[in-house]
Amino acid sequence: MEFPRSRRELSKEEVQDAQIGLLEWELEERDERHGIDPLTGLKKREPFEKELDRVLGVIRARGEAKEYRAGSEPIREASLLFIDLDGFKGVNDTLGHLEGDAVLKKVAGILTDSVREEDTVGRFGGDEFYILLPRTGEKGATVVANKIRTNIESDSPIGRSRGHRQYRSLPGGRLKRDRLENAHYAR
């Protein structure tokens, strides 16, 4: 099948729309290659778990392993925050998925703004997020978790965040990965 060979000039708006579409596609491709969640801009599960493994490896070696951030103090402990948004399903059910997406973007911004640059924030899907806090013990993690909970409660239409777990070297330097799934809940 042959198409007619008529030529027509594209309008300025059509050219701009095509350029914007191409840029959006290129950004999505880049994010996918780098393990970035396209909705929130946070790390996806796999790159987050790689970062967690790296930090836990340093802890297992009792801080003697080569640091993954040059010039930083040894990592001897770390905490993991699990954030589950209470009432998020209700946002999607009553206000629609576009509003739900806006809430997720807002929460991602709150999480990122609430932690240090060396901390890692990831989205595991749906309304579940994790934050890795290297060089942070239980007291520090509780402070961060409470700050995040307060910020989410005051700045979004959903419930609260919950949960953190502290990791340290265990006997024999072993750490069970299933603890990630069994983080205890902060009150």
N, C-alpha and C. Protein backbone atom coordinates (compact mmCIF):
# COMPACT_ATOMS: atom_id res chain seq x y z
N MET A 1 0.85 -1.18 0.00
CA MET A 1 0.00 0.00 0.00
C MET A 1 0.89 1.23 0.00
N GLU A 2 0.56 2.15 -0.87
CA GLU A 2 1.31 3.39 -0.95
C GLU A 2 0.47 4.52 -0.40
N PHE A 3 1.17 5.42 0.26
CA PHE A 3 0.50 6.61 0.80
C PHE A 3 0.70 7.76 -0.16
N PRO A 4 -0.26 8.63 -0.22
CA PRO A 4 -0.11 9.80 -1.09
C PRO A 4 1.12 10.61 -0.68
N ARG A 5 1.78 11.18 -1.61
CA ARG A 5 3.01 11.92 -1.35
C ARG A 5 2.74 13.42 -1.22
N SER A 6 1.62 13.78 -0.77
CA SER A 6 1.35 15.21 -0.60
C SER A 6 2.17 15.74 0.58
N ARG A 7 2.65 16.92 0.42
CA ARG A 7 3.44 17.55 1.48
C ARG A 7 2.64 18.71 2.04
N ARG A 8 2.69 18.78 3.34
CA ARG A 8 2.04 19.91 3.98
C ARG A 8 2.94 20.36 5.10
N GLU A 9 3.01 21.62 5.28
CA GLU A 9 3.81 22.20 6.36
C GLU A 9 3.10 21.95 7.68
N LEU A 10 3.88 21.53 8.68
CA LEU A 10 3.31 21.38 10.01
C LEU A 10 3.22 22.74 10.67
N SER A 11 2.17 22.91 11.43
CA SER A 11 2.04 24.18 12.16
C SER A 11 3.06 24.22 13.29
N LYS A 12 3.31 25.38 13.80
CA LYS A 12 4.25 25.56 14.91
C LYS A 12 3.80 24.74 16.12
N GLU A 13 2.51 24.70 16.38
CA GLU A 13 1.97 23.93 17.51
C GLU A 13 2.19 22.43 17.31
N GLU A 14 2.00 21.95 16.08
CA GLU A 14 2.21 20.52 15.80
C GLU A 14 3.68 20.14 15.99
N VAL A 15 4.57 21.00 15.55
CA VAL A 15 6.01 20.74 15.73
C VAL A 15 6.35 20.72 17.21
N GLN A 16 5.83 21.68 17.98
CA GLN A 16 6.09 21.73 19.41
C GLN A 16 5.52 20.50 20.12
N ASP A 17 4.31 20.10 19.76
CA ASP A 17 3.71 18.90 20.35
C ASP A 17 4.57 17.66 20.07
N ALA A 18 5.06 17.55 18.84
CA ALA A 18 5.91 16.40 18.48
C ALA A 18 7.22 16.44 19.28
N GLN A 19 7.81 17.61 19.43
CA GLN A 19 9.05 17.73 20.18
C GLN A 19 8.84 17.38 21.66
N ILE A 20 7.75 17.86 22.22
CA ILE A 20 7.43 17.56 23.62
C ILE A 20 7.22 16.05 23.80
N GLY A 21 6.47 15.45 22.88
CA GLY A 21 6.24 14.00 22.94
C GLY A 21 7.53 13.22 22.87
N LEU A 22 8.43 13.63 22.00
CA LEU A 22 9.72 12.96 21.87
C LEU A 22 10.55 13.12 23.14
N LEU A 23 10.58 14.30 23.71
CA LEU A 23 11.32 14.52 24.96
C LEU A 23 10.74 13.70 26.11
N GLU A 24 9.41 13.65 26.20
CA GLU A 24 8.78 12.85 27.25
C GLU A 24 9.14 11.37 27.09
N TRP A 25 9.12 10.88 25.86
CA TRP A 25 9.48 9.50 25.59
C TRP A 25 10.93 9.24 25.97
N GLU A 26 11.85 10.16 25.61
CA GLU A 26 13.26 9.99 25.95
C GLU A 26 13.48 9.99 27.46
N LEU A 27 12.76 10.84 28.19
CA LEU A 27 12.87 10.88 29.65
C LEU A 27 12.37 9.58 30.27
N GLU A 28 11.26 9.06 29.77
CA GLU A 28 10.73 7.79 30.27
C GLU A 28 11.71 6.65 30.01
N GLU A 29 12.32 6.64 28.84
CA GLU A 29 13.31 5.61 28.51
C GLU A 29 14.52 5.71 29.43
N ARG A 30 14.99 6.93 29.68
CA ARG A 30 16.13 7.13 30.58
C ARG A 30 15.80 6.66 31.99
N ASP A 31 14.64 7.05 32.48
CA ASP A 31 14.24 6.64 33.83
C ASP A 31 14.13 5.13 33.94
N GLU A 32 13.59 4.49 32.91
CA GLU A 32 13.46 3.03 32.93
C GLU A 32 14.83 2.37 32.99
N ARG A 33 15.78 2.88 32.22
CA ARG A 33 17.13 2.32 32.23
C ARG A 33 17.81 2.50 33.58
N HIS A 34 17.51 3.57 34.28
CA HIS A 34 18.18 3.87 35.55
C HIS A 34 17.36 3.46 36.77
N GLY A 35 16.27 2.73 36.57
CA GLY A 35 15.48 2.22 37.68
C GLY A 35 14.73 3.27 38.45
N ILE A 36 14.24 4.27 37.74
CA ILE A 36 13.50 5.36 38.37
C ILE A 36 12.01 5.19 38.08
N ASP A 37 11.20 5.30 39.13
CA ASP A 37 9.75 5.24 38.97
C ASP A 37 9.30 6.49 38.22
N PRO A 38 8.67 6.34 37.05
CA PRO A 38 8.32 7.52 36.24
C PRO A 38 7.29 8.44 36.90
N LEU A 39 6.46 7.92 37.76
CA LEU A 39 5.45 8.76 38.40
C LEU A 39 6.05 9.64 39.49
N THR A 40 6.84 9.05 40.37
CA THR A 40 7.33 9.77 41.54
C THR A 40 8.77 10.27 41.42
N GLY A 41 9.53 9.71 40.49
CA GLY A 41 10.93 10.07 40.37
C GLY A 41 11.81 9.39 41.41
N LEU A 42 11.25 8.46 42.17
CA LEU A 42 12.01 7.73 43.20
C LEU A 42 12.59 6.45 42.61
N LYS A 43 13.56 5.88 43.33
CA LYS A 43 14.13 4.61 42.89
C LYS A 43 13.08 3.52 42.94
N LYS A 44 13.16 2.61 41.96
CA LYS A 44 12.31 1.42 41.97
C LYS A 44 12.92 0.39 42.91
N ARG A 45 12.23 -0.70 43.07
CA ARG A 45 12.62 -1.73 44.04
C ARG A 45 14.03 -2.28 43.80
N GLU A 46 14.37 -2.66 42.58
CA GLU A 46 15.66 -3.30 42.32
C GLU A 46 16.84 -2.38 42.67
N PRO A 47 16.90 -1.14 42.18
CA PRO A 47 18.04 -0.29 42.56
C PRO A 47 18.05 0.04 44.05
N PHE A 48 16.87 0.14 44.65
CA PHE A 48 16.81 0.37 46.09
C PHE A 48 17.42 -0.81 46.83
N GLU A 49 17.06 -2.03 46.43
CA GLU A 49 17.60 -3.22 47.09
C GLU A 49 19.11 -3.33 46.90
N LYS A 50 19.63 -2.90 45.75
CA LYS A 50 21.08 -2.89 45.55
C LYS A 50 21.75 -1.94 46.54
N GLU A 51 21.17 -0.79 46.74
CA GLU A 51 21.71 0.16 47.71
C GLU A 51 21.64 -0.42 49.12
N LEU A 52 20.53 -1.07 49.45
CA LEU A 52 20.37 -1.72 50.75
C LEU A 52 21.44 -2.79 50.93
N ASP A 53 21.64 -3.62 49.91
CA ASP A 53 22.66 -4.66 49.99
C ASP A 53 24.05 -4.06 50.22
N ARG A 54 24.34 -2.96 49.54
CA ARG A 54 25.64 -2.31 49.69
C ARG A 54 25.84 -1.83 51.12
N VAL A 55 24.84 -1.17 51.68
CA VAL A 55 24.93 -0.66 53.05
C VAL A 55 25.04 -1.82 54.04
N LEU A 56 24.22 -2.84 53.85
CA LEU A 56 24.28 -3.99 54.75
C LEU A 56 25.63 -4.71 54.66
N GLY A 57 26.23 -4.73 53.48
CA GLY A 57 27.54 -5.33 53.31
C GLY A 57 28.60 -4.59 54.12
N VAL A 58 28.50 -3.27 54.15
CA VAL A 58 29.44 -2.48 54.95
C VAL A 58 29.22 -2.75 56.43
N ILE A 59 27.96 -2.85 56.85
CA ILE A 59 27.67 -3.14 58.26
C ILE A 59 28.18 -4.53 58.63
N ARG A 60 27.95 -5.50 57.76
CA ARG A 60 28.42 -6.87 58.03
C ARG A 60 29.93 -6.90 58.20
N ALA A 61 30.63 -6.05 57.46
CA ALA A 61 32.09 -5.99 57.55
C ALA A 61 32.52 -5.09 58.71
N ARG A 62 31.56 -4.71 59.52
CA ARG A 62 31.78 -3.86 60.69
C ARG A 62 32.42 -2.52 60.32
N GLY A 63 31.95 -1.96 59.21
CA GLY A 63 32.41 -0.64 58.80
C GLY A 63 33.79 -0.62 58.20
N GLU A 64 34.41 -1.77 58.04
CA GLU A 64 35.78 -1.82 57.53
C GLU A 64 35.84 -1.91 56.01
N ALA A 65 34.73 -2.24 55.39
CA ALA A 65 34.71 -2.35 53.93
C ALA A 65 34.89 -0.97 53.32
N LYS A 66 35.34 -0.97 52.09
CA LYS A 66 35.50 0.29 51.39
C LYS A 66 34.15 0.99 51.32
N GLU A 67 34.14 2.23 51.75
CA GLU A 67 32.88 2.99 51.76
C GLU A 67 32.40 3.23 50.34
N TYR A 68 31.10 3.28 50.18
CA TYR A 68 30.56 3.57 48.86
C TYR A 68 30.42 5.06 48.63
N ARG A 69 30.63 5.86 49.63
CA ARG A 69 30.64 7.31 49.48
C ARG A 69 31.99 7.79 50.01
N ALA A 70 32.82 8.29 49.14
CA ALA A 70 34.18 8.69 49.52
C ALA A 70 34.14 9.76 50.62
N GLY A 71 35.05 9.61 51.56
CA GLY A 71 35.20 10.61 52.61
C GLY A 71 34.17 10.55 53.71
N SER A 72 33.34 9.55 53.73
CA SER A 72 32.31 9.48 54.75
C SER A 72 32.75 8.60 55.90
N GLU A 73 32.14 8.82 57.04
CA GLU A 73 32.46 7.99 58.20
C GLU A 73 31.93 6.58 57.97
N PRO A 74 32.55 5.58 58.63
CA PRO A 74 32.09 4.20 58.43
C PRO A 74 30.62 4.02 58.80
N ILE A 75 29.98 3.13 58.08
CA ILE A 75 28.59 2.81 58.38
C ILE A 75 28.59 1.64 59.35
N ARG A 76 28.12 1.86 60.55
CA ARG A 76 28.06 0.80 61.55
C ARG A 76 26.62 0.41 61.87
N GLU A 77 25.70 1.24 61.44
CA GLU A 77 24.29 0.94 61.63
C GLU A 77 23.50 1.66 60.56
N ALA A 78 22.30 1.22 60.36
CA ALA A 78 21.40 1.83 59.39
C ALA A 78 19.98 1.52 59.83
N SER A 79 19.08 2.34 59.40
CA SER A 79 17.67 2.10 59.68
C SER A 79 16.90 2.12 58.38
N LEU A 80 15.80 1.41 58.39
CA LEU A 80 14.94 1.30 57.23
C LEU A 80 13.55 1.72 57.64
N LEU A 81 13.00 2.70 56.95
CA LEU A 81 11.63 3.13 57.21
C LEU A 81 10.73 2.54 56.14
N PHE A 82 9.61 2.03 56.55
CA PHE A 82 8.57 1.54 55.65
C PHE A 82 7.41 2.50 55.78
N ILE A 83 6.98 3.06 54.66
CA ILE A 83 5.87 4.01 54.67
C ILE A 83 4.73 3.42 53.87
N ASP A 84 3.60 3.24 54.53
CA ASP A 84 2.39 2.73 53.91
C ASP A 84 1.33 3.80 54.13
N LEU A 85 0.76 4.31 53.07
CA LEU A 85 -0.18 5.42 53.18
C LEU A 85 -1.57 4.92 53.54
N ASP A 86 -1.98 5.19 54.75
CA ASP A 86 -3.32 4.80 55.19
C ASP A 86 -4.36 5.62 54.42
N GLY A 87 -5.37 4.96 53.95
CA GLY A 87 -6.47 5.65 53.28
C GLY A 87 -6.22 5.98 51.83
N PHE A 88 -5.12 5.53 51.25
CA PHE A 88 -4.82 5.88 49.87
C PHE A 88 -5.83 5.29 48.89
N LYS A 89 -6.26 4.07 49.15
CA LYS A 89 -7.25 3.43 48.27
C LYS A 89 -8.50 4.30 48.16
N GLY A 90 -8.88 4.92 49.27
CA GLY A 90 -10.04 5.80 49.27
C GLY A 90 -9.87 7.01 48.36
N VAL A 91 -8.64 7.52 48.26
CA VAL A 91 -8.37 8.64 47.36
C VAL A 91 -8.63 8.20 45.93
N ASN A 92 -8.07 7.07 45.55
CA ASN A 92 -8.29 6.57 44.18
C ASN A 92 -9.76 6.27 43.92
N ASP A 93 -10.44 5.65 44.90
CA ASP A 93 -11.84 5.25 44.72
C ASP A 93 -12.78 6.45 44.64
N THR A 94 -12.54 7.46 45.43
CA THR A 94 -13.47 8.59 45.47
C THR A 94 -13.07 9.76 44.58
N LEU A 95 -11.78 10.03 44.46
CA LEU A 95 -11.33 11.20 43.70
C LEU A 95 -10.76 10.84 42.33
N GLY A 96 -10.47 9.57 42.12
CA GLY A 96 -9.94 9.12 40.83
C GLY A 96 -8.43 8.92 40.85
N HIS A 97 -7.96 8.22 39.84
CA HIS A 97 -6.55 7.86 39.77
C HIS A 97 -5.64 9.05 39.48
N LEU A 98 -6.13 10.04 38.77
CA LEU A 98 -5.30 11.23 38.53
C LEU A 98 -5.00 11.94 39.85
N GLU A 99 -6.00 12.05 40.71
CA GLU A 99 -5.78 12.65 42.03
C GLU A 99 -4.88 11.74 42.87
N GLY A 100 -5.06 10.43 42.75
CA GLY A 100 -4.18 9.50 43.45
C GLY A 100 -2.73 9.66 43.02
N ASP A 101 -2.51 9.83 41.71
CA ASP A 101 -1.16 10.07 41.21
C ASP A 101 -0.58 11.36 41.78
N ALA A 102 -1.41 12.39 41.86
CA ALA A 102 -0.95 13.67 42.41
C ALA A 102 -0.55 13.50 43.88
N VAL A 103 -1.30 12.71 44.63
CA VAL A 103 -0.97 12.45 46.03
C VAL A 103 0.37 11.71 46.13
N LEU A 104 0.57 10.70 45.28
CA LEU A 104 1.83 9.96 45.31
C LEU A 104 3.02 10.86 44.99
N LYS A 105 2.86 11.75 44.02
CA LYS A 105 3.93 12.70 43.69
C LYS A 105 4.20 13.63 44.86
N LYS A 106 3.14 14.09 45.51
CA LYS A 106 3.28 14.98 46.66
C LYS A 106 4.01 14.27 47.80
N VAL A 107 3.62 13.04 48.09
CA VAL A 107 4.25 12.27 49.16
C VAL A 107 5.72 12.02 48.82
N ALA A 108 6.02 11.69 47.56
CA ALA A 108 7.41 11.47 47.16
C ALA A 108 8.24 12.72 47.44
N GLY A 109 7.69 13.88 47.15
CA GLY A 109 8.39 15.14 47.44
C GLY A 109 8.59 15.34 48.93
N ILE A 110 7.57 15.03 49.72
CA ILE A 110 7.68 15.16 51.18
C ILE A 110 8.77 14.24 51.70
N LEU A 111 8.79 13.00 51.23
CA LEU A 111 9.79 12.03 51.69
C LEU A 111 11.19 12.50 51.34
N THR A 112 11.38 12.92 50.10
CA THR A 112 12.70 13.38 49.65
C THR A 112 13.15 14.60 50.43
N ASP A 113 12.23 15.52 50.68
CA ASP A 113 12.58 16.75 51.42
C ASP A 113 12.81 16.51 52.91
N SER A 114 12.38 15.36 53.42
CA SER A 114 12.46 15.07 54.85
C SER A 114 13.72 14.32 55.26
N VAL A 115 14.55 13.93 54.29
CA VAL A 115 15.72 13.13 54.60
C VAL A 115 17.00 13.80 54.08
N ARG A 116 18.13 13.24 54.49
CA ARG A 116 19.43 13.75 54.06
C ARG A 116 19.74 13.29 52.64
N GLU A 117 20.73 13.91 52.04
CA GLU A 117 21.14 13.55 50.69
C GLU A 117 21.65 12.12 50.61
N GLU A 118 22.32 11.64 51.66
CA GLU A 118 22.87 10.28 51.63
C GLU A 118 21.80 9.20 51.83
N ASP A 119 20.62 9.57 52.26
CA ASP A 119 19.54 8.60 52.45
C ASP A 119 18.93 8.23 51.09
N THR A 120 18.34 7.06 51.02
CA THR A 120 17.77 6.58 49.77
C THR A 120 16.28 6.35 49.94
N VAL A 121 15.50 6.98 49.08
CA VAL A 121 14.04 6.85 49.10
C VAL A 121 13.63 6.03 47.88
N GLY A 122 12.77 5.03 48.10
CA GLY A 122 12.30 4.21 46.99
C GLY A 122 10.81 3.94 47.08
N ARG A 123 10.22 3.72 45.93
CA ARG A 123 8.80 3.33 45.85
C ARG A 123 8.74 1.88 45.45
N PHE A 124 8.06 1.08 46.26
CA PHE A 124 7.95 -0.33 45.97
C PHE A 124 6.69 -0.65 45.20
N GLY A 125 5.86 0.32 44.97
CA GLY A 125 4.64 0.12 44.22
C GLY A 125 3.45 0.57 45.03
N GLY A 126 2.36 0.86 44.33
CA GLY A 126 1.16 1.29 45.03
C GLY A 126 1.45 2.46 45.95
N ASP A 127 1.09 2.28 47.21
CA ASP A 127 1.30 3.35 48.19
C ASP A 127 2.36 2.96 49.21
N GLU A 128 3.32 2.13 48.79
CA GLU A 128 4.37 1.67 49.69
C GLU A 128 5.72 2.28 49.30
N PHE A 129 6.38 2.84 50.30
CA PHE A 129 7.67 3.46 50.12
C PHE A 129 8.62 2.94 51.19
N TYR A 130 9.92 2.96 50.87
CA TYR A 130 10.96 2.61 51.84
C TYR A 130 12.01 3.71 51.82
N ILE A 131 12.60 3.95 52.99
CA ILE A 131 13.70 4.90 53.08
C ILE A 131 14.83 4.22 53.84
N LEU A 132 16.01 4.22 53.25
CA LEU A 132 17.21 3.68 53.87
C LEU A 132 17.98 4.84 54.49
N LEU A 133 18.26 4.73 55.79
CA LEU A 133 18.95 5.77 56.53
C LEU A 133 20.29 5.25 57.04
N PRO A 134 21.37 5.32 56.23
CA PRO A 134 22.67 4.88 56.72
C PRO A 134 23.13 5.78 57.88
N ARG A 135 23.92 5.18 58.79
CA ARG A 135 24.47 5.92 59.93
C ARG A 135 23.38 6.49 60.83
N THR A 136 22.26 5.80 60.90
CA THR A 136 21.14 6.26 61.71
C THR A 136 20.64 5.12 62.57
N GLY A 137 20.63 5.32 63.88
CA GLY A 137 20.13 4.33 64.81
C GLY A 137 18.63 4.47 65.01
N GLU A 138 18.13 3.71 65.97
CA GLU A 138 16.68 3.67 66.20
C GLU A 138 16.13 5.02 66.62
N LYS A 139 16.83 5.73 67.50
CA LYS A 139 16.33 7.05 67.94
C LYS A 139 16.27 8.03 66.78
N GLY A 140 17.32 8.05 65.97
CA GLY A 140 17.32 8.95 64.81
C GLY A 140 16.24 8.58 63.81
N ALA A 141 16.04 7.28 63.60
CA ALA A 141 15.01 6.83 62.66
C ALA A 141 13.62 7.20 63.16
N THR A 142 13.42 7.11 64.48
CA THR A 142 12.12 7.48 65.05
C THR A 142 11.87 8.97 64.84
N VAL A 143 12.90 9.79 64.99
CA VAL A 143 12.75 11.23 64.76
C VAL A 143 12.36 11.50 63.31
N VAL A 144 13.08 10.85 62.39
CA VAL A 144 12.77 11.03 60.96
C VAL A 144 11.37 10.53 60.64
N ALA A 145 11.00 9.35 61.16
CA ALA A 145 9.66 8.78 60.90
C ALA A 145 8.57 9.72 61.41
N ASN A 146 8.75 10.26 62.60
CA ASN A 146 7.75 11.19 63.14
C ASN A 146 7.67 12.48 62.33
N LYS A 147 8.82 12.97 61.87
CA LYS A 147 8.84 14.17 61.02
C LYS A 147 8.07 13.91 59.72
N ILE A 148 8.32 12.75 59.12
CA ILE A 148 7.63 12.40 57.88
C ILE A 148 6.14 12.26 58.12
N ARG A 149 5.77 11.56 59.18
CA ARG A 149 4.35 11.37 59.48
C ARG A 149 3.66 12.72 59.65
N THR A 150 4.27 13.61 60.40
CA THR A 150 3.70 14.94 60.62
C THR A 150 3.56 15.70 59.29
N ASN A 151 4.61 15.66 58.47
CA ASN A 151 4.57 16.36 57.18
C ASN A 151 3.51 15.79 56.25
N ILE A 152 3.37 14.46 56.23
CA ILE A 152 2.35 13.85 55.37
C ILE A 152 0.96 14.19 55.88
N GLU A 153 0.75 14.08 57.18
CA GLU A 153 -0.57 14.36 57.74
C GLU A 153 -0.98 15.81 57.52
N SER A 154 -0.02 16.73 57.56
CA SER A 154 -0.36 18.15 57.43
C SER A 154 -0.41 18.62 55.98
N ASP A 155 0.17 17.84 55.07
CA ASP A 155 0.32 18.36 53.72
C ASP A 155 -0.24 17.45 52.63
N SER A 156 -1.07 16.45 53.00
CA SER A 156 -1.70 15.61 52.00
C SER A 156 -3.04 15.11 52.52
N PRO A 157 -3.93 14.69 51.62
CA PRO A 157 -5.27 14.28 52.03
C PRO A 157 -5.38 12.84 52.52
N ILE A 158 -4.28 12.24 52.93
CA ILE A 158 -4.32 10.85 53.34
C ILE A 158 -3.84 10.69 54.77
N GLY A 159 -3.84 9.45 55.22
CA GLY A 159 -3.45 9.12 56.58
C GLY A 159 -1.97 9.23 56.83
N ARG A 160 -1.46 8.38 57.70
CA ARG A 160 -0.10 8.54 58.18
C ARG A 160 0.85 7.47 57.65
N SER A 161 2.11 7.75 57.87
CA SER A 161 3.15 6.78 57.54
C SER A 161 3.43 5.96 58.78
N ARG A 162 4.03 4.79 58.58
CA ARG A 162 4.31 3.97 59.74
C ARG A 162 5.48 3.03 59.44
N GLY A 163 6.21 2.72 60.49
CA GLY A 163 7.16 1.64 60.43
C GLY A 163 8.60 2.02 60.24
N HIS A 164 9.47 1.44 61.03
CA HIS A 164 10.91 1.52 60.81
C HIS A 164 11.59 0.33 61.44
N ARG A 165 12.77 0.04 60.97
CA ARG A 165 13.56 -1.06 61.49
C ARG A 165 15.02 -0.64 61.48
N GLN A 166 15.72 -0.90 62.56
CA GLN A 166 17.14 -0.60 62.64
C GLN A 166 17.94 -1.87 62.35
N TYR A 167 19.03 -1.72 61.61
CA TYR A 167 19.91 -2.84 61.31
C TYR A 167 21.29 -2.59 61.89
N ARG A 168 21.87 -3.60 62.49
CA ARG A 168 23.25 -3.58 62.97
C ARG A 168 23.88 -4.90 62.59
N SER A 169 25.16 -4.97 62.81
CA SER A 169 25.85 -6.25 62.63
C SER A 169 25.26 -7.27 63.58
N LEU A 170 24.99 -8.44 63.10
CA LEU A 170 24.51 -9.52 63.94
C LEU A 170 25.63 -10.53 64.14
N PRO A 171 25.49 -11.45 65.08
CA PRO A 171 26.54 -12.45 65.29
C PRO A 171 26.95 -13.10 63.98
N GLY A 172 28.23 -13.17 63.76
CA GLY A 172 28.74 -13.77 62.54
C GLY A 172 28.57 -12.87 61.32
N GLY A 173 28.14 -11.64 61.52
CA GLY A 173 27.98 -10.71 60.41
C GLY A 173 26.84 -11.04 59.48
N ARG A 174 25.91 -11.91 59.90
CA ARG A 174 24.80 -12.30 59.02
C ARG A 174 23.58 -11.44 59.31
N LEU A 175 22.86 -11.13 58.27
CA LEU A 175 21.63 -10.37 58.40
C LEU A 175 20.58 -11.02 57.52
N LYS A 176 19.41 -11.21 58.01
CA LYS A 176 18.36 -11.86 57.22
C LYS A 176 17.60 -10.82 56.41
N ARG A 177 17.51 -11.07 55.10
CA ARG A 177 16.83 -10.15 54.20
C ARG A 177 15.33 -10.08 54.48
N ASP A 178 14.76 -11.13 55.06
CA ASP A 178 13.32 -11.11 55.29
C ASP A 178 12.92 -10.06 56.32
N ARG A 179 13.89 -9.51 57.04
CA ARG A 179 13.56 -8.44 57.98
C ARG A 179 13.01 -7.22 57.26
N LEU A 180 13.40 -7.04 56.02
CA LEU A 180 12.87 -5.95 55.21
C LEU A 180 11.35 -6.03 55.15
N GLU A 181 10.84 -7.23 55.00
CA GLU A 181 9.40 -7.42 54.89
C GLU A 181 8.71 -7.42 56.25
N ASN A 182 9.47 -7.51 57.33
CA ASN A 182 8.89 -7.62 58.66
C ASN A 182 9.22 -6.42 59.54
N ALA A 183 9.35 -5.25 58.95
CA ALA A 183 9.68 -4.06 59.73
C ALA A 183 8.58 -3.83 60.77
N HIS A 184 8.99 -3.52 61.99
CA HIS A 184 7.98 -3.28 63.02
C HIS A 184 7.42 -1.87 62.86
N TYR A 185 6.24 -1.67 63.41
CA TYR A 185 5.54 -0.42 63.18
C TYR A 185 5.78 0.57 64.31
N ALA A 186 6.11 1.83 63.90
CA ALA A 186 6.28 2.91 64.88
C ALA A 186 4.91 3.33 65.38
N ARG A 187 4.88 3.76 66.57
CA ARG A 187 3.61 4.23 67.13
C ARG A 187 3.50 5.71 67.07
